[in-house]
Amino acid sequence: MSDTPAYTPPKIWTWNKANGGQFANINRPIAGATHDKELPVGRHPLQLYSLATPNGVKVTVLLEELLALGHSGAEYDAWLIKIQEGDQFGSGFVAVNPNSKIPALLDRSGPTPIRVFESGAILVYLAEKFGAFLPTEPAARAECLSWLFWQMGSAPYLGGGFGHFYAYAPTKIEYAIDRFAMETKRQLDVLDRRLGESAYLGGNDYTIADMAVWSWYGALAKGLIYEAAEFLQVQEYKNVQRWTDTIAERPAVKRGRMVNRTWGEPSSQLYERHDARDFDTKTQDKLAAAQ
């Protein structure tokens, strides 16, 4: 271990904004809106307010998969929420998601708009609404939901735990990195063992559980987040790699991953999505130029 002096917590915690590191400008110990800003509303039944982080990708992948199945009611407008600029603290966004996290969904298909927040809840809501990617047979449904909620409970250790201390924290803390690296590798082993038993997490069929887990652990397996592939030796998890590659080849997944993406190769970005034609290069260029 390092020779860093031991830290003794004070009797009463106080917020030191300077300790927030890369995300200090968007992290705070209170909730609620910081400014008045209404959300835009497009012409489709579903209005998504998001960013192409793993949690955002879950939802856009599902929406594109639903459209690929022919569910026209799944047409959606995907509005870019710039979290580094604090868009999630606008009054309109907070009204849809009081937790001020992306993604947030507003379903305007009925007489009264329905808000849905938390990515796992959005996946279940949409899967039930359209009767797809969530089994109805009790055992299969239980397996799917178990893996979906495994992701919801496990990914914070990957993102806010390992990812934060390994990639973003202003000070590298050996104990924190070691602790969360161990947990991340344990999680990868959990997935690898399961995927050695079946093609997908829920069994033989591709479901919302795969979409949710792939957005985080598929990206980790391919070195697309935290630049930690070598550090974690992710190539060791052969079943995870096979599953990751299979899902990545799905056309709807390729489209969903692009939506609300503002980084990486220009060809992988689609700042906002308001129509299927927006995946066309010319439309995409216009959206990028408008930012």
Protein backbone atom coordinates (compact mmCIF):
# COMPACT_ATOMS: atom_id res chain seq x y z
CA MET A 1 0.00 0.00 0.00
CA SER A 2 1.03 3.62 -0.43
CA ASP A 3 2.39 5.90 2.27
CA THR A 4 -0.57 8.29 1.98
CA PRO A 5 -1.52 9.53 5.46
CA ALA A 6 -4.58 7.87 6.93
CA TYR A 7 -7.80 9.83 6.58
CA THR A 8 -9.92 10.41 9.67
CA PRO A 9 -13.51 11.40 8.79
CA PRO A 10 -14.73 14.55 10.53
CA LYS A 11 -17.59 14.33 12.99
CA ILE A 12 -19.86 16.13 10.49
CA TRP A 13 -19.36 15.88 6.73
CA THR A 14 -19.26 19.11 4.74
CA TRP A 15 -19.20 19.49 0.97
CA ASN A 16 -15.86 20.46 -0.52
CA LYS A 17 -16.61 21.09 -4.18
CA ALA A 18 -12.90 21.15 -5.03
CA ASN A 19 -12.70 17.43 -4.25
CA GLY A 20 -15.10 16.49 -7.04
CA GLY A 21 -12.52 15.94 -9.74
CA GLN A 22 -13.59 15.87 -13.38
CA PHE A 23 -17.29 15.93 -12.55
CA ALA A 24 -17.23 18.53 -9.78
CA ASN A 25 -19.41 20.90 -11.76
CA ILE A 26 -22.34 18.46 -11.92
CA ASN A 27 -22.13 16.72 -8.55
CA ARG A 28 -23.75 18.23 -5.48
CA PRO A 29 -25.35 16.98 -2.27
CA ILE A 30 -28.84 18.38 -2.97
CA ALA A 31 -31.53 17.65 -5.54
CA GLY A 32 -33.88 19.86 -7.53
CA ALA A 33 -33.66 22.28 -10.41
CA THR A 34 -30.97 24.94 -10.64
CA HIS A 35 -32.59 26.92 -13.45
CA ASP A 36 -35.78 27.22 -15.48
CA LYS A 37 -35.65 25.44 -18.82
CA GLU A 38 -38.49 23.67 -20.56
CA LEU A 39 -37.81 20.49 -22.47
CA PRO A 40 -38.34 20.39 -26.24
CA VAL A 41 -41.11 18.15 -27.55
CA GLY A 42 -41.10 16.50 -30.97
CA ARG A 43 -43.84 14.89 -33.01
CA HIS A 44 -43.50 11.27 -31.95
CA PRO A 45 -45.33 9.50 -29.10
CA LEU A 46 -42.12 8.86 -27.17
CA GLN A 47 -39.83 11.68 -26.10
CA LEU A 48 -36.41 10.61 -24.84
CA TYR A 49 -34.02 12.98 -23.10
CA SER A 50 -30.61 11.36 -22.93
CA LEU A 51 -26.93 11.02 -23.72
CA ALA A 52 -25.10 7.99 -25.15
CA THR A 53 -23.53 6.85 -21.91
CA PRO A 54 -24.12 3.15 -21.18
CA ASN A 55 -27.37 3.97 -19.39
CA GLY A 56 -28.61 5.99 -22.32
CA VAL A 57 -27.56 3.37 -24.88
CA LYS A 58 -29.73 0.74 -23.19
CA VAL A 59 -32.88 2.64 -24.10
CA THR A 60 -32.00 3.70 -27.63
CA VAL A 61 -30.98 0.14 -28.46
CA LEU A 62 -34.35 -1.14 -27.24
CA LEU A 63 -36.24 1.52 -29.20
CA GLU A 64 -34.36 0.70 -32.38
CA GLU A 65 -34.96 -3.02 -31.81
CA LEU A 66 -38.68 -2.40 -31.35
CA LEU A 67 -38.82 -0.38 -34.57
CA ALA A 68 -36.93 -3.15 -36.37
CA LEU A 69 -39.69 -5.55 -35.27
CA GLY A 70 -42.30 -3.28 -36.86
CA HIS A 71 -43.65 -1.53 -33.75
CA SER A 72 -44.40 1.85 -35.30
CA GLY A 73 -45.61 3.17 -31.95
CA ALA A 74 -42.02 3.06 -30.76
CA GLU A 75 -41.05 5.99 -32.99
CA TYR A 76 -39.26 8.50 -30.84
CA ASP A 77 -37.50 11.81 -30.60
CA ALA A 78 -34.15 11.60 -28.81
CA TRP A 79 -33.08 14.96 -27.43
CA LEU A 80 -29.49 15.53 -26.37
CA ILE A 81 -28.97 16.29 -22.68
CA LYS A 82 -25.54 17.79 -22.13
CA ILE A 83 -24.82 16.65 -18.59
CA GLN A 84 -21.48 18.45 -18.39
CA GLU A 85 -23.37 21.69 -18.97
CA GLY A 86 -26.03 20.89 -16.37
CA ASP A 87 -29.01 20.32 -18.68
CA GLN A 88 -30.24 17.64 -16.28
CA PHE A 89 -30.84 20.30 -13.65
CA GLY A 90 -33.25 22.30 -15.78
CA SER A 91 -36.79 22.55 -14.41
CA GLY A 92 -38.28 20.61 -17.34
CA PHE A 93 -35.89 17.72 -16.97
CA VAL A 94 -36.31 17.55 -13.20
CA ALA A 95 -40.08 17.36 -13.73
CA VAL A 96 -39.55 14.18 -15.78
CA ASN A 97 -36.76 12.78 -13.61
CA PRO A 98 -36.46 14.22 -10.09
CA ASN A 99 -33.19 12.31 -9.76
CA SER A 100 -31.58 14.46 -12.50
CA LYS A 101 -29.95 11.53 -14.30
CA ILE A 102 -30.22 10.43 -17.91
CA PRO A 103 -32.13 8.84 -19.51
CA ALA A 104 -35.66 10.13 -18.95
CA LEU A 105 -38.69 9.20 -21.03
CA LEU A 106 -42.02 10.91 -21.57
CA ASP A 107 -44.73 8.78 -23.18
CA ARG A 108 -47.28 11.09 -24.83
CA SER A 109 -49.21 8.36 -26.63
CA GLY A 110 -52.18 8.56 -24.25
CA PRO A 111 -54.41 11.36 -22.98
CA THR A 112 -52.08 12.03 -20.05
CA PRO A 113 -48.29 11.97 -20.52
CA ILE A 114 -46.49 9.31 -18.49
CA ARG A 115 -43.01 9.94 -17.18
CA VAL A 116 -40.56 7.07 -16.72
CA PHE A 117 -37.11 7.45 -15.22
CA GLU A 118 -34.27 5.09 -14.32
CA SER A 119 -33.02 3.10 -17.28
CA GLY A 120 -34.13 -0.28 -15.96
CA ALA A 121 -37.65 1.00 -15.39
CA ILE A 122 -37.73 2.43 -18.92
CA LEU A 123 -36.67 -0.93 -20.39
CA VAL A 124 -39.39 -2.80 -18.51
CA TYR A 125 -42.01 -0.16 -19.35
CA LEU A 126 -41.29 -0.27 -23.08
CA ALA A 127 -40.94 -4.05 -23.22
CA GLU A 128 -44.33 -4.47 -21.55
CA LYS A 129 -45.93 -1.73 -23.62
CA PHE A 130 -44.96 -3.42 -26.89
CA GLY A 131 -44.87 -7.03 -25.72
CA ALA A 132 -41.31 -7.69 -26.85
CA PHE A 133 -37.91 -8.63 -25.41
CA LEU A 134 -39.38 -9.57 -22.02
CA PRO A 135 -40.62 -13.18 -21.71
CA THR A 136 -44.09 -13.83 -20.36
CA GLU A 137 -43.48 -17.42 -19.23
CA PRO A 138 -42.86 -17.11 -15.46
CA ALA A 139 -39.47 -18.86 -15.23
CA ALA A 140 -38.04 -17.11 -18.29
CA ARG A 141 -39.40 -13.75 -17.14
CA ALA A 142 -37.86 -14.22 -13.70
CA GLU A 143 -34.48 -15.07 -15.22
CA CYS A 144 -34.57 -12.04 -17.50
CA LEU A 145 -35.56 -9.64 -14.72
CA SER A 146 -32.99 -11.14 -12.38
CA TRP A 147 -30.19 -10.32 -14.81
CA LEU A 148 -31.65 -6.90 -15.56
CA PHE A 149 -31.66 -6.01 -11.88
CA TRP A 150 -28.24 -7.61 -11.45
CA GLN A 151 -27.00 -4.97 -13.86
CA MET A 152 -28.77 -2.16 -12.04
CA GLY A 153 -27.18 -3.22 -8.78
CA SER A 154 -23.75 -4.14 -10.12
CA ALA A 155 -22.90 -1.38 -12.60
CA PRO A 156 -22.50 1.33 -9.94
CA TYR A 157 -19.50 -0.63 -8.67
CA LEU A 158 -18.11 -0.60 -12.20
CA GLY A 159 -18.91 3.02 -13.06
CA GLY A 160 -18.97 5.03 -9.86
CA GLY A 161 -16.54 2.62 -8.24
CA PHE A 162 -13.85 1.28 -10.55
CA GLY A 163 -14.35 3.77 -13.38
CA HIS A 164 -14.29 6.78 -11.12
CA PHE A 165 -11.24 5.87 -9.06
CA TYR A 166 -9.26 4.36 -11.95
CA ALA A 167 -10.00 6.93 -14.65
CA TYR A 168 -11.47 10.12 -13.19
CA ALA A 169 -10.53 10.70 -9.55
CA PRO A 170 -8.13 13.63 -9.05
CA THR A 171 -6.00 11.43 -6.78
CA LYS A 172 -5.22 7.78 -7.46
CA ILE A 173 -6.03 5.79 -4.34
CA GLU A 174 -4.51 2.32 -4.38
CA TYR A 175 -7.00 0.79 -1.97
CA ALA A 176 -10.02 2.12 -3.88
CA ILE A 177 -8.73 1.01 -7.29
CA ASP A 178 -7.73 -2.41 -5.98
CA ARG A 179 -11.07 -2.91 -4.23
CA PHE A 180 -13.20 -2.00 -7.22
CA ALA A 181 -10.96 -3.77 -9.75
CA MET A 182 -11.45 -6.95 -7.75
CA GLU A 183 -15.22 -6.46 -7.76
CA THR A 184 -15.31 -5.67 -11.48
CA LYS A 185 -13.40 -8.83 -12.31
CA ARG A 186 -15.73 -10.82 -10.07
CA GLN A 187 -18.68 -9.41 -12.01
CA LEU A 188 -17.08 -10.32 -15.31
CA ASP A 189 -16.59 -13.84 -13.99
CA VAL A 190 -20.27 -14.01 -12.99
CA LEU A 191 -21.23 -13.05 -16.55
CA ASP A 192 -18.72 -15.35 -18.17
CA ARG A 193 -19.95 -18.37 -16.21
CA ARG A 194 -23.56 -17.62 -17.08
CA LEU A 195 -22.78 -17.09 -20.76
CA GLY A 196 -20.97 -20.41 -20.78
CA GLU A 197 -24.35 -21.98 -20.03
CA SER A 198 -26.57 -20.17 -22.52
CA ALA A 199 -26.42 -17.94 -25.59
CA TYR A 200 -27.91 -14.96 -23.77
CA LEU A 201 -28.30 -13.97 -20.15
CA GLY A 202 -31.96 -14.98 -19.92
CA GLY A 203 -31.48 -18.19 -21.87
CA ASN A 204 -31.73 -18.82 -25.60
CA ASP A 205 -33.49 -15.54 -26.39
CA TYR A 206 -32.13 -12.00 -26.60
CA THR A 207 -33.91 -9.76 -24.07
CA ILE A 208 -33.77 -6.41 -22.31
CA ALA A 209 -31.37 -8.02 -19.83
CA ASP A 210 -28.80 -8.38 -22.59
CA MET A 211 -29.33 -4.81 -23.76
CA ALA A 212 -28.83 -3.46 -20.25
CA VAL A 213 -25.75 -5.51 -19.43
CA TRP A 214 -24.17 -5.17 -22.88
CA SER A 215 -24.20 -1.38 -22.73
CA TRP A 216 -21.85 -1.50 -19.72
CA TYR A 217 -19.97 -4.78 -19.78
CA GLY A 218 -19.80 -5.12 -23.54
CA ALA A 219 -18.15 -1.72 -23.69
CA LEU A 220 -15.77 -2.77 -20.92
CA ALA A 221 -14.94 -6.04 -22.69
CA LYS A 222 -13.91 -4.14 -25.83
CA GLY A 223 -11.92 -1.47 -24.03
CA LEU A 224 -14.38 1.29 -24.92
CA ILE A 225 -14.67 2.69 -21.40
CA TYR A 226 -12.02 3.66 -18.85
CA GLU A 227 -9.11 2.45 -21.06
CA ALA A 228 -8.79 -0.47 -18.68
CA ALA A 229 -8.92 -3.52 -20.97
CA GLU A 230 -5.30 -4.50 -20.35
CA PHE A 231 -5.42 -3.63 -16.65
CA LEU A 232 -8.45 -5.90 -16.13
CA GLN A 233 -7.34 -8.53 -18.69
CA VAL A 234 -10.83 -8.53 -20.20
CA GLN A 235 -9.80 -10.85 -23.05
CA GLU A 236 -9.78 -13.71 -20.52
CA TYR A 237 -13.58 -13.75 -20.43
CA LYS A 238 -14.17 -15.69 -23.64
CA ASN A 239 -17.92 -16.16 -23.22
CA VAL A 240 -18.42 -12.46 -22.52
CA GLN A 241 -16.39 -11.65 -25.64
CA ARG A 242 -18.50 -14.01 -27.79
CA TRP A 243 -21.76 -12.57 -26.46
CA THR A 244 -20.52 -8.99 -26.82
CA ASP A 245 -19.55 -9.52 -30.47
CA THR A 246 -22.86 -11.21 -31.30
CA ILE A 247 -24.93 -8.33 -29.93
CA ALA A 248 -22.68 -5.67 -31.47
CA GLU A 249 -23.45 -7.02 -34.95
CA ARG A 250 -27.18 -6.42 -34.66
CA PRO A 251 -28.20 -3.51 -36.95
CA ALA A 252 -30.54 -2.02 -34.34
CA VAL A 253 -27.74 -2.09 -31.77
CA LYS A 254 -25.43 -0.26 -34.15
CA ARG A 255 -28.07 2.43 -34.65
CA GLY A 256 -28.97 2.67 -30.97
CA ARG A 257 -25.37 3.14 -29.96
CA MET A 258 -25.09 6.19 -32.23
CA VAL A 259 -28.05 8.13 -30.83
CA ASN A 260 -27.14 11.12 -28.62
CA ARG A 261 -23.47 10.31 -29.06
CA THR A 262 -21.18 13.35 -29.27
CA TRP A 263 -17.72 11.77 -29.12
CA GLY A 264 -15.63 9.22 -30.98
CA GLU A 265 -15.48 8.79 -34.73
CA PRO A 266 -17.83 11.23 -36.52
CA SER A 267 -19.46 8.30 -38.31
CA SER A 268 -20.49 6.87 -34.91
CA GLN A 269 -22.30 10.03 -33.78
CA LEU A 270 -25.89 11.14 -34.11
CA TYR A 271 -26.46 14.08 -31.78
CA GLU A 272 -30.25 13.86 -31.91
CA ARG A 273 -32.65 11.44 -33.51
CA HIS A 274 -36.08 12.57 -34.70
CA ASP A 275 -36.62 10.26 -37.66
CA ALA A 276 -35.11 7.05 -39.02
CA ARG A 277 -33.71 9.14 -41.87
CA ASP A 278 -31.46 10.92 -39.38
CA PHE A 279 -29.07 8.00 -39.64
CA ASP A 280 -28.43 9.12 -43.17
CA THR A 281 -25.07 10.89 -43.39
CA LYS A 282 -26.39 14.17 -44.78
CA THR A 283 -28.95 14.55 -42.01
CA GLN A 284 -26.36 13.63 -39.42
CA ASP A 285 -23.95 16.27 -40.74
CA LYS A 286 -26.66 18.91 -40.45
CA LEU A 287 -27.34 17.94 -36.84
CA ALA A 288 -23.64 18.04 -35.97
CA ALA A 289 -23.17 21.41 -37.65
CA ALA A 290 -26.07 22.84 -35.65
CA GLN A 291 -24.42 22.14 -32.31
